[in-house]
mmCIF file of all heavy atoms, coordinates in Angstrom:
data_MODEL
# 
_entry.id   MODEL 
# 
loop_
_atom_site.group_PDB 
_atom_site.id 
_atom_site.type_symbol 
_atom_site.label_atom_id 
_atom_site.label_alt_id 
_atom_site.label_comp_id 
_atom_site.label_asym_id 
_atom_site.label_entity_id 
_atom_site.label_seq_id 
_atom_site.pdbx_PDB_ins_code 
_atom_site.Cartn_x 
_atom_site.Cartn_y 
_atom_site.Cartn_z 
_atom_site.occupancy 
_atom_site.B_iso_or_equiv 
_atom_site.pdbx_formal_charge 
_atom_site.auth_seq_id 
_atom_site.auth_comp_id 
_atom_site.auth_asym_id 
_atom_site.auth_atom_id 
_atom_site.pdbx_PDB_model_num 
ATOM 1   N N   . ARG A 1 1  ? 0.829  -1.187 0.000  1.00 0.00 ? 1  ARG A N   1 
ATOM 2   C CA  . ARG A 1 1  ? 0.000  0.000  0.000  1.00 0.00 ? 1  ARG A CA  1 
ATOM 3   C C   . ARG A 1 1  ? 0.873  1.250  0.000  1.00 0.00 ? 1  ARG A C   1 
ATOM 4   O O   . ARG A 1 1  ? 2.101  1.180  0.169  1.00 0.00 ? 1  ARG A O   1 
ATOM 5   C CB  . ARG A 1 1  ? -0.915 -0.008 1.224  1.00 0.00 ? 1  ARG A CB  1 
ATOM 6   C CG  . ARG A 1 1  ? -1.924 -1.153 1.224  1.00 0.00 ? 1  ARG A CG  1 
ATOM 7   C CD  . ARG A 1 1  ? -2.719 -1.152 2.517  1.00 0.00 ? 1  ARG A CD  1 
ATOM 8   N NE  . ARG A 1 1  ? -1.832 -1.340 3.677  1.00 0.00 ? 1  ARG A NE  1 
ATOM 9   C CZ  . ARG A 1 1  ? -2.230 -1.248 4.937  1.00 0.00 ? 1  ARG A CZ  1 
ATOM 10  N NH1 . ARG A 1 1  ? -3.510 -0.972 5.203  1.00 0.00 ? 1  ARG A NH1 1 
ATOM 11  N NH2 . ARG A 1 1  ? -1.377 -1.438 5.915  1.00 0.00 ? 1  ARG A NH2 1 
ATOM 12  N N   . THR A 1 2  ? 0.231  2.420  -0.136 1.00 0.00 ? 2  THR A N   1 
ATOM 13  C CA  . THR A 1 2  ? 0.979  3.667  -0.264 1.00 0.00 ? 2  THR A CA  1 
ATOM 14  C C   . THR A 1 2  ? 1.818  3.943  0.987  1.00 0.00 ? 2  THR A C   1 
ATOM 15  O O   . THR A 1 2  ? 2.996  4.331  0.886  1.00 0.00 ? 2  THR A O   1 
ATOM 16  C CB  . THR A 1 2  ? 0.006  4.833  -0.500 1.00 0.00 ? 2  THR A CB  1 
ATOM 17  O OG1 . THR A 1 2  ? -0.766 4.550  -1.676 1.00 0.00 ? 2  THR A OG1 1 
ATOM 18  C CG2 . THR A 1 2  ? 0.754  6.137  -0.703 1.00 0.00 ? 2  THR A CG2 1 
ATOM 19  N N   . VAL A 1 3  ? 1.260  3.744  2.161  1.00 0.00 ? 3  VAL A N   1 
ATOM 20  C CA  . VAL A 1 3  ? 1.993  4.018  3.402  1.00 0.00 ? 3  VAL A CA  1 
ATOM 21  C C   . VAL A 1 3  ? 3.210  3.101  3.508  1.00 0.00 ? 3  VAL A C   1 
ATOM 22  O O   . VAL A 1 3  ? 4.312  3.537  3.898  1.00 0.00 ? 3  VAL A O   1 
ATOM 23  C CB  . VAL A 1 3  ? 1.067  3.839  4.611  1.00 0.00 ? 3  VAL A CB  1 
ATOM 24  C CG1 . VAL A 1 3  ? 1.835  4.019  5.917  1.00 0.00 ? 3  VAL A CG1 1 
ATOM 25  C CG2 . VAL A 1 3  ? -0.090 4.824  4.545  1.00 0.00 ? 3  VAL A CG2 1 
ATOM 26  N N   . GLU A 1 4  ? 3.064  1.846  3.161  1.00 0.00 ? 4  GLU A N   1 
ATOM 27  C CA  . GLU A 1 4  ? 4.186  0.916  3.247  1.00 0.00 ? 4  GLU A CA  1 
ATOM 28  C C   . GLU A 1 4  ? 5.267  1.256  2.228  1.00 0.00 ? 4  GLU A C   1 
ATOM 29  O O   . GLU A 1 4  ? 6.469  1.052  2.491  1.00 0.00 ? 4  GLU A O   1 
ATOM 30  C CB  . GLU A 1 4  ? 3.683  -0.512 3.033  1.00 0.00 ? 4  GLU A CB  1 
ATOM 31  C CG  . GLU A 1 4  ? 2.778  -1.003 4.166  1.00 0.00 ? 4  GLU A CG  1 
ATOM 32  C CD  . GLU A 1 4  ? 2.246  -2.393 3.920  1.00 0.00 ? 4  GLU A CD  1 
ATOM 33  O OE1 . GLU A 1 4  ? 1.635  -2.618 2.856  1.00 0.00 ? 4  GLU A OE1 1 
ATOM 34  O OE2 . GLU A 1 4  ? 2.446  -3.265 4.791  1.00 0.00 ? 4  GLU A OE2 1 
ATOM 35  N N   . ILE A 1 5  ? 4.867  1.782  1.072  1.00 0.00 ? 5  ILE A N   1 
ATOM 36  C CA  . ILE A 1 5  ? 5.862  2.210  0.077  1.00 0.00 ? 5  ILE A CA  1 
ATOM 37  C C   . ILE A 1 5  ? 6.719  3.339  0.642  1.00 0.00 ? 5  ILE A C   1 
ATOM 38  O O   . ILE A 1 5  ? 7.949  3.372  0.470  1.00 0.00 ? 5  ILE A O   1 
ATOM 39  C CB  . ILE A 1 5  ? 5.158  2.649  -1.224 1.00 0.00 ? 5  ILE A CB  1 
ATOM 40  C CG1 . ILE A 1 5  ? 4.444  1.466  -1.891 1.00 0.00 ? 5  ILE A CG1 1 
ATOM 41  C CG2 . ILE A 1 5  ? 6.161  3.254  -2.207 1.00 0.00 ? 5  ILE A CG2 1 
ATOM 42  C CD1 . ILE A 1 5  ? 3.587  1.847  -3.076 1.00 0.00 ? 5  ILE A CD1 1 
ATOM 43  N N   . VAL A 1 6  ? 6.054  4.268  1.336  1.00 0.00 ? 6  VAL A N   1 
ATOM 44  C CA  . VAL A 1 6  ? 6.798  5.374  1.953  1.00 0.00 ? 6  VAL A CA  1 
ATOM 45  C C   . VAL A 1 6  ? 7.781  4.834  2.997  1.00 0.00 ? 6  VAL A C   1 
ATOM 46  O O   . VAL A 1 6  ? 8.946  5.278  3.072  1.00 0.00 ? 6  VAL A O   1 
ATOM 47  C CB  . VAL A 1 6  ? 5.819  6.385  2.578  1.00 0.00 ? 6  VAL A CB  1 
ATOM 48  C CG1 . VAL A 1 6  ? 6.582  7.465  3.353  1.00 0.00 ? 6  VAL A CG1 1 
ATOM 49  C CG2 . VAL A 1 6  ? 4.961  7.023  1.490  1.00 0.00 ? 6  VAL A CG2 1 
ATOM 50  N N   . TRP A 1 7  ? 7.368  3.871  3.800  1.00 0.00 ? 7  TRP A N   1 
ATOM 51  C CA  . TRP A 1 7  ? 8.259  3.295  4.800  1.00 0.00 ? 7  TRP A CA  1 
ATOM 52  C C   . TRP A 1 7  ? 9.436  2.570  4.159  1.00 0.00 ? 7  TRP A C   1 
ATOM 53  O O   . TRP A 1 7  ? 10.569 2.589  4.687  1.00 0.00 ? 7  TRP A O   1 
ATOM 54  C CB  . TRP A 1 7  ? 7.494  2.349  5.714  1.00 0.00 ? 7  TRP A CB  1 
ATOM 55  C CG  . TRP A 1 7  ? 6.715  3.050  6.785  1.00 0.00 ? 7  TRP A CG  1 
ATOM 56  C CD1 . TRP A 1 7  ? 5.378  3.133  6.918  1.00 0.00 ? 7  TRP A CD1 1 
ATOM 57  C CD2 . TRP A 1 7  ? 7.279  3.779  7.877  1.00 0.00 ? 7  TRP A CD2 1 
ATOM 58  N NE1 . TRP A 1 7  ? 5.031  3.880  8.019  1.00 0.00 ? 7  TRP A NE1 1 
ATOM 59  C CE2 . TRP A 1 7  ? 6.185  4.287  8.640  1.00 0.00 ? 7  TRP A CE2 1 
ATOM 60  C CE3 . TRP A 1 7  ? 8.587  4.071  8.305  1.00 0.00 ? 7  TRP A CE3 1 
ATOM 61  C CZ2 . TRP A 1 7  ? 6.368  5.049  9.788  1.00 0.00 ? 7  TRP A CZ2 1 
ATOM 62  C CZ3 . TRP A 1 7  ? 8.756  4.830  9.457  1.00 0.00 ? 7  TRP A CZ3 1 
ATOM 63  C CH2 . TRP A 1 7  ? 7.663  5.320  10.174 1.00 0.00 ? 7  TRP A CH2 1 
ATOM 64  N N   . VAL A 1 8  ? 9.230  1.914  3.019  1.00 0.00 ? 8  VAL A N   1 
ATOM 65  C CA  . VAL A 1 8  ? 10.339 1.278  2.298  1.00 0.00 ? 8  VAL A CA  1 
ATOM 66  C C   . VAL A 1 8  ? 11.343 2.326  1.845  1.00 0.00 ? 8  VAL A C   1 
ATOM 67  O O   . VAL A 1 8  ? 12.570 2.152  1.941  1.00 0.00 ? 8  VAL A O   1 
ATOM 68  C CB  . VAL A 1 8  ? 9.814  0.466  1.098  1.00 0.00 ? 8  VAL A CB  1 
ATOM 69  C CG1 . VAL A 1 8  ? 10.964 -0.028 0.224  1.00 0.00 ? 8  VAL A CG1 1 
ATOM 70  C CG2 . VAL A 1 8  ? 9.001  -0.727 1.586  1.00 0.00 ? 8  VAL A CG2 1 
ATOM 71  N N   . GLY A 1 9  ? 10.842 3.474  1.341  1.00 0.00 ? 9  GLY A N   1 
ATOM 72  C CA  . GLY A 1 9  ? 11.728 4.551  0.928  1.00 0.00 ? 9  GLY A CA  1 
ATOM 73  C C   . GLY A 1 9  ? 12.517 5.122  2.099  1.00 0.00 ? 9  GLY A C   1 
ATOM 74  O O   . GLY A 1 9  ? 13.736 5.374  1.984  1.00 0.00 ? 9  GLY A O   1 
ATOM 75  N N   . VAL A 1 10 ? 11.838 5.321  3.252  1.00 0.00 ? 10 VAL A N   1 
ATOM 76  C CA  . VAL A 1 10 ? 12.522 5.846  4.441  1.00 0.00 ? 10 VAL A CA  1 
ATOM 77  C C   . VAL A 1 10 ? 13.576 4.850  4.915  1.00 0.00 ? 10 VAL A C   1 
ATOM 78  O O   . VAL A 1 10 ? 14.716 5.234  5.264  1.00 0.00 ? 10 VAL A O   1 
ATOM 79  C CB  . VAL A 1 10 ? 11.494 6.146  5.546  1.00 0.00 ? 10 VAL A CB  1 
ATOM 80  C CG1 . VAL A 1 10 ? 12.199 6.487  6.861  1.00 0.00 ? 10 VAL A CG1 1 
ATOM 81  C CG2 . VAL A 1 10 ? 10.574 7.284  5.114  1.00 0.00 ? 10 VAL A CG2 1 
ATOM 82  N N   . ALA A 1 11 ? 13.204 3.554  4.931  1.00 0.00 ? 11 ALA A N   1 
ATOM 83  C CA  . ALA A 1 11 ? 14.154 2.528  5.382  1.00 0.00 ? 11 ALA A CA  1 
ATOM 84  C C   . ALA A 1 11 ? 15.371 2.465  4.460  1.00 0.00 ? 11 ALA A C   1 
ATOM 85  O O   . ALA A 1 11 ? 16.523 2.322  4.917  1.00 0.00 ? 11 ALA A O   1 
ATOM 86  C CB  . ALA A 1 11 ? 13.458 1.174  5.447  1.00 0.00 ? 11 ALA A CB  1 
ATOM 87  N N   . SER A 1 12 ? 15.165 2.587  3.152  1.00 0.00 ? 12 SER A N   1 
ATOM 88  C CA  . SER A 1 12 ? 16.292 2.552  2.210  1.00 0.00 ? 12 SER A CA  1 
ATOM 89  C C   . SER A 1 12 ? 17.217 3.736  2.430  1.00 0.00 ? 12 SER A C   1 
ATOM 90  O O   . SER A 1 12 ? 18.462 3.600  2.464  1.00 0.00 ? 12 SER A O   1 
ATOM 91  C CB  . SER A 1 12 ? 15.762 2.558  0.774  1.00 0.00 ? 12 SER A CB  1 
ATOM 92  O OG  . SER A 1 12 ? 14.956 1.422  0.532  1.00 0.00 ? 12 SER A OG  1 
ATOM 93  N N   . SER A 1 13 ? 16.633 4.936  2.584  1.00 0.00 ? 13 SER A N   1 
ATOM 94  C CA  . SER A 1 13 ? 17.457 6.128  2.780  1.00 0.00 ? 13 SER A CA  1 
ATOM 95  C C   . SER A 1 13 ? 18.218 6.058  4.101  1.00 0.00 ? 13 SER A C   1 
ATOM 96  O O   . SER A 1 13 ? 19.423 6.384  4.166  1.00 0.00 ? 13 SER A O   1 
ATOM 97  C CB  . SER A 1 13 ? 16.573 7.373  2.733  1.00 0.00 ? 13 SER A CB  1 
ATOM 98  O OG  . SER A 1 13 ? 17.332 8.542  2.923  1.00 0.00 ? 13 SER A OG  1 
ATOM 99  N N   . MET A 1 14 ? 17.544 5.642  5.196  1.00 0.00 ? 14 MET A N   1 
ATOM 100 C CA  . MET A 1 14 ? 18.193 5.578  6.504  1.00 0.00 ? 14 MET A CA  1 
ATOM 101 C C   . MET A 1 14 ? 19.279 4.493  6.508  1.00 0.00 ? 14 MET A C   1 
ATOM 102 O O   . MET A 1 14 ? 20.345 4.672  7.128  1.00 0.00 ? 14 MET A O   1 
ATOM 103 C CB  . MET A 1 14 ? 17.153 5.286  7.587  1.00 0.00 ? 14 MET A CB  1 
ATOM 104 C CG  . MET A 1 14 ? 16.140 6.404  7.781  1.00 0.00 ? 14 MET A CG  1 
ATOM 105 S SD  . MET A 1 14 ? 16.949 7.977  8.247  1.00 0.00 ? 14 MET A SD  1 
ATOM 106 C CE  . MET A 1 14 ? 17.647 7.541  9.819  1.00 0.00 ? 14 MET A CE  1 
ATOM 107 N N   . THR A 1 15 ? 19.020 3.367  5.818  1.00 0.00 ? 15 THR A N   1 
ATOM 108 C CA  . THR A 1 15 ? 20.040 2.307  5.765  1.00 0.00 ? 15 THR A CA  1 
ATOM 109 C C   . THR A 1 15 ? 21.297 2.811  5.077  1.00 0.00 ? 15 THR A C   1 
ATOM 110 O O   . THR A 1 15 ? 22.434 2.564  5.528  1.00 0.00 ? 15 THR A O   1 
ATOM 111 C CB  . THR A 1 15 ? 19.480 1.090  5.029  1.00 0.00 ? 15 THR A CB  1 
ATOM 112 O OG1 . THR A 1 15 ? 18.311 0.616  5.710  1.00 0.00 ? 15 THR A OG1 1 
ATOM 113 C CG2 . THR A 1 15 ? 20.517 -0.031 4.972  1.00 0.00 ? 15 THR A CG2 1 
ATOM 114 N N   . HIS A 1 16 ? 21.126 3.525  3.963  1.00 0.00 ? 16 HIS A N   1 
ATOM 115 C CA  . HIS A 1 16 ? 22.286 4.062  3.266  1.00 0.00 ? 16 HIS A CA  1 
ATOM 116 C C   . HIS A 1 16 ? 23.010 5.086  4.126  1.00 0.00 ? 16 HIS A C   1 
ATOM 117 O O   . HIS A 1 16 ? 24.255 5.127  4.179  1.00 0.00 ? 16 HIS A O   1 
ATOM 118 C CB  . HIS A 1 16 ? 21.852 4.688  1.936  1.00 0.00 ? 16 HIS A CB  1 
ATOM 119 C CG  . HIS A 1 16 ? 23.014 5.258  1.166  1.00 0.00 ? 16 HIS A CG  1 
ATOM 120 N ND1 . HIS A 1 16 ? 23.284 6.618  1.133  1.00 0.00 ? 16 HIS A ND1 1 
ATOM 121 C CD2 . HIS A 1 16 ? 23.998 4.654  0.429  1.00 0.00 ? 16 HIS A CD2 1 
ATOM 122 C CE1 . HIS A 1 16 ? 24.351 6.832  0.383  1.00 0.00 ? 16 HIS A CE1 1 
ATOM 123 N NE2 . HIS A 1 16 ? 24.808 5.660  -0.055 1.00 0.00 ? 16 HIS A NE2 1 
ATOM 124 N N   . LEU A 1 17 ? 22.266 5.943  4.822  1.00 0.00 ? 17 LEU A N   1 
ATOM 125 C CA  . LEU A 1 17 ? 22.858 6.965  5.682  1.00 0.00 ? 17 LEU A CA  1 
ATOM 126 C C   . LEU A 1 17 ? 23.683 6.309  6.791  1.00 0.00 ? 17 LEU A C   1 
ATOM 127 O O   . LEU A 1 17 ? 24.844 6.693  7.042  1.00 0.00 ? 17 LEU A O   1 
ATOM 128 C CB  . LEU A 1 17 ? 21.762 7.844  6.267  1.00 0.00 ? 17 LEU A CB  1 
ATOM 129 C CG  . LEU A 1 17 ? 22.207 8.922  7.262  1.00 0.00 ? 17 LEU A CG  1 
ATOM 130 C CD1 . LEU A 1 17 ? 23.123 9.942  6.583  1.00 0.00 ? 17 LEU A CD1 1 
ATOM 131 C CD2 . LEU A 1 17 ? 21.000 9.626  7.879  1.00 0.00 ? 17 LEU A CD2 1 
ATOM 132 N N   . MET A 1 18 ? 23.110 5.331  7.490  1.00 0.00 ? 18 MET A N   1 
ATOM 133 C CA  . MET A 1 18 ? 23.822 4.664  8.576  1.00 0.00 ? 18 MET A CA  1 
ATOM 134 C C   . MET A 1 18 ? 25.030 3.886  8.050  1.00 0.00 ? 18 MET A C   1 
ATOM 135 O O   . MET A 1 18 ? 26.079 3.842  8.689  1.00 0.00 ? 18 MET A O   1 
ATOM 136 C CB  . MET A 1 18 ? 22.868 3.712  9.311  1.00 0.00 ? 18 MET A CB  1 
ATOM 137 C CG  . MET A 1 18 ? 21.707 4.415  9.980  1.00 0.00 ? 18 MET A CG  1 
ATOM 138 S SD  . MET A 1 18 ? 22.250 5.627  11.236 1.00 0.00 ? 18 MET A SD  1 
ATOM 139 C CE  . MET A 1 18 ? 23.066 4.542  12.392 1.00 0.00 ? 18 MET A CE  1 
ATOM 140 N N   . LEU A 1 19 ? 24.893 3.296  6.850  1.00 0.00 ? 19 LEU A N   1 
ATOM 141 C CA  . LEU A 1 19 ? 25.989 2.531  6.280  1.00 0.00 ? 19 LEU A CA  1 
ATOM 142 C C   . LEU A 1 19 ? 27.181 3.436  5.967  1.00 0.00 ? 19 LEU A C   1 
ATOM 143 O O   . LEU A 1 19 ? 28.335 3.116  6.297  1.00 0.00 ? 19 LEU A O   1 
ATOM 144 C CB  . LEU A 1 19 ? 25.509 1.818  5.019  1.00 0.00 ? 19 LEU A CB  1 
ATOM 145 C CG  . LEU A 1 19 ? 26.394 0.696  4.469  1.00 0.00 ? 19 LEU A CG  1 
ATOM 146 C CD1 . LEU A 1 19 ? 26.448 -0.461 5.476  1.00 0.00 ? 19 LEU A CD1 1 
ATOM 147 C CD2 . LEU A 1 19 ? 25.856 0.203  3.127  1.00 0.00 ? 19 LEU A CD2 1 
ATOM 148 N N   . VAL A 1 20 ? 26.906 4.583  5.355  1.00 0.00 ? 20 VAL A N   1 
ATOM 149 C CA  . VAL A 1 20 ? 27.986 5.518  4.999  1.00 0.00 ? 20 VAL A CA  1 
ATOM 150 C C   . VAL A 1 20 ? 28.654 6.061  6.257  1.00 0.00 ? 20 VAL A C   1 
ATOM 151 O O   . VAL A 1 20 ? 29.895 6.113  6.377  1.00 0.00 ? 20 VAL A O   1 
ATOM 152 C CB  . VAL A 1 20 ? 27.441 6.649  4.119  1.00 0.00 ? 20 VAL A CB  1 
ATOM 153 C CG1 . VAL A 1 20 ? 28.512 7.723  3.916  1.00 0.00 ? 20 VAL A CG1 1 
ATOM 154 C CG2 . VAL A 1 20 ? 26.986 6.084  2.784  1.00 0.00 ? 20 VAL A CG2 1 
ATOM 155 N N   . LEU A 1 21 ? 27.861 6.481  7.243  1.00 0.00 ? 21 LEU A N   1 
ATOM 156 C CA  . LEU A 1 21 ? 28.429 7.050  8.475  1.00 0.00 ? 21 LEU A CA  1 
ATOM 157 C C   . LEU A 1 21 ? 29.203 5.995  9.258  1.00 0.00 ? 21 LEU A C   1 
ATOM 158 O O   . LEU A 1 21 ? 30.253 6.282  9.863  1.00 0.00 ? 21 LEU A O   1 
ATOM 159 C CB  . LEU A 1 21 ? 27.308 7.647  9.329  1.00 0.00 ? 21 LEU A CB  1 
ATOM 160 C CG  . LEU A 1 21 ? 26.608 8.887  8.753  1.00 0.00 ? 21 LEU A CG  1 
ATOM 161 C CD1 . LEU A 1 21 ? 25.497 9.342  9.681  1.00 0.00 ? 21 LEU A CD1 1 
ATOM 162 C CD2 . LEU A 1 21 ? 27.620 10.019 8.548  1.00 0.00 ? 21 LEU A CD2 1 
ATOM 163 N N   . ALA A 1 22 ? 28.678 4.760  9.296  1.00 0.00 ? 22 ALA A N   1 
ATOM 164 C CA  . ALA A 1 22 ? 29.335 3.709  10.085 1.00 0.00 ? 22 ALA A CA  1 
ATOM 165 C C   . ALA A 1 22 ? 30.732 3.421  9.558  1.00 0.00 ? 22 ALA A C   1 
ATOM 166 O O   . ALA A 1 22 ? 31.695 3.283  10.339 1.00 0.00 ? 22 ALA A O   1 
ATOM 167 C CB  . ALA A 1 22 ? 28.489 2.447  10.078 1.00 0.00 ? 22 ALA A CB  1 
ATOM 168 N N   . PHE A 1 23 ? 30.894 3.321  8.234  1.00 0.00 ? 23 PHE A N   1 
ATOM 169 C CA  . PHE A 1 23 ? 32.220 3.009  7.686  1.00 0.00 ? 23 PHE A CA  1 
ATOM 170 C C   . PHE A 1 23 ? 33.109 4.241  7.609  1.00 0.00 ? 23 PHE A C   1 
ATOM 171 O O   . PHE A 1 23 ? 34.325 4.169  7.827  1.00 0.00 ? 23 PHE A O   1 
ATOM 172 C CB  . PHE A 1 23 ? 32.064 2.383  6.293  1.00 0.00 ? 23 PHE A CB  1 
ATOM 173 C CG  . PHE A 1 23 ? 31.633 0.946  6.327  1.00 0.00 ? 23 PHE A CG  1 
ATOM 174 C CD1 . PHE A 1 23 ? 30.347 0.584  5.977  1.00 0.00 ? 23 PHE A CD1 1 
ATOM 175 C CD2 . PHE A 1 23 ? 32.516 -0.043 6.741  1.00 0.00 ? 23 PHE A CD2 1 
ATOM 176 C CE1 . PHE A 1 23 ? 29.947 -0.741 6.022  1.00 0.00 ? 23 PHE A CE1 1 
ATOM 177 C CE2 . PHE A 1 23 ? 32.115 -1.377 6.781  1.00 0.00 ? 23 PHE A CE2 1 
ATOM 178 C CZ  . PHE A 1 23 ? 30.830 -1.724 6.430  1.00 0.00 ? 23 PHE A CZ  1 
ATOM 179 N N   . THR A 1 24 ? 32.522 5.384  7.298  1.00 0.00 ? 24 THR A N   1 
ATOM 180 C CA  . THR A 1 24 ? 33.340 6.590  7.136  1.00 0.00 ? 24 THR A CA  1 
ATOM 181 C C   . THR A 1 24 ? 33.912 7.055  8.467  1.00 0.00 ? 24 THR A C   1 
ATOM 182 O O   . THR A 1 24 ? 35.081 7.461  8.561  1.00 0.00 ? 24 THR A O   1 
ATOM 183 C CB  . THR A 1 24 ? 32.509 7.714  6.490  1.00 0.00 ? 24 THR A CB  1 
ATOM 184 O OG1 . THR A 1 24 ? 32.000 7.247  5.241  1.00 0.00 ? 24 THR A OG1 1 
ATOM 185 C CG2 . THR A 1 24 ? 33.362 8.951  6.266  1.00 0.00 ? 24 THR A CG2 1 
ATOM 186 N N   . LEU A 1 25 ? 33.103 6.991  9.514  1.00 0.00 ? 25 LEU A N   1 
ATOM 187 C CA  . LEU A 1 25 ? 33.530 7.477  10.830 1.00 0.00 ? 25 LEU A CA  1 
ATOM 188 C C   . LEU A 1 25 ? 34.188 6.381  11.664 1.00 0.00 ? 25 LEU A C   1 
ATOM 189 O O   . LEU A 1 25 ? 34.537 6.620  12.822 1.00 0.00 ? 25 LEU A O   1 
ATOM 190 C CB  . LEU A 1 25 ? 32.321 8.043  11.584 1.00 0.00 ? 25 LEU A CB  1 
ATOM 191 C CG  . LEU A 1 25 ? 31.620 9.231  10.884 1.00 0.00 ? 25 LEU A CG  1 
ATOM 192 C CD1 . LEU A 1 25 ? 30.437 9.713  11.715 1.00 0.00 ? 25 LEU A CD1 1 
ATOM 193 C CD2 . LEU A 1 25 ? 32.608 10.379 10.665 1.00 0.00 ? 25 LEU A CD2 1 
ATOM 194 N N   . GLY A 1 26 ? 34.313 5.185  11.119 1.00 0.00 ? 26 GLY A N   1 
ATOM 195 C CA  . GLY A 1 26 ? 35.016 4.128  11.829 1.00 0.00 ? 26 GLY A CA  1 
ATOM 196 C C   . GLY A 1 26 ? 34.166 3.381  12.814 1.00 0.00 ? 26 GLY A C   1 
ATOM 197 O O   . GLY A 1 26 ? 34.704 2.668  13.668 1.00 0.00 ? 26 GLY A O   1 
# 
């Protein structure tokens, strides 16, 4: 549904953000 699509987008963006910060900042 539309709400779940939005949550998939938020989860994808947050996963990428945490992944970049986790490796970049050690």
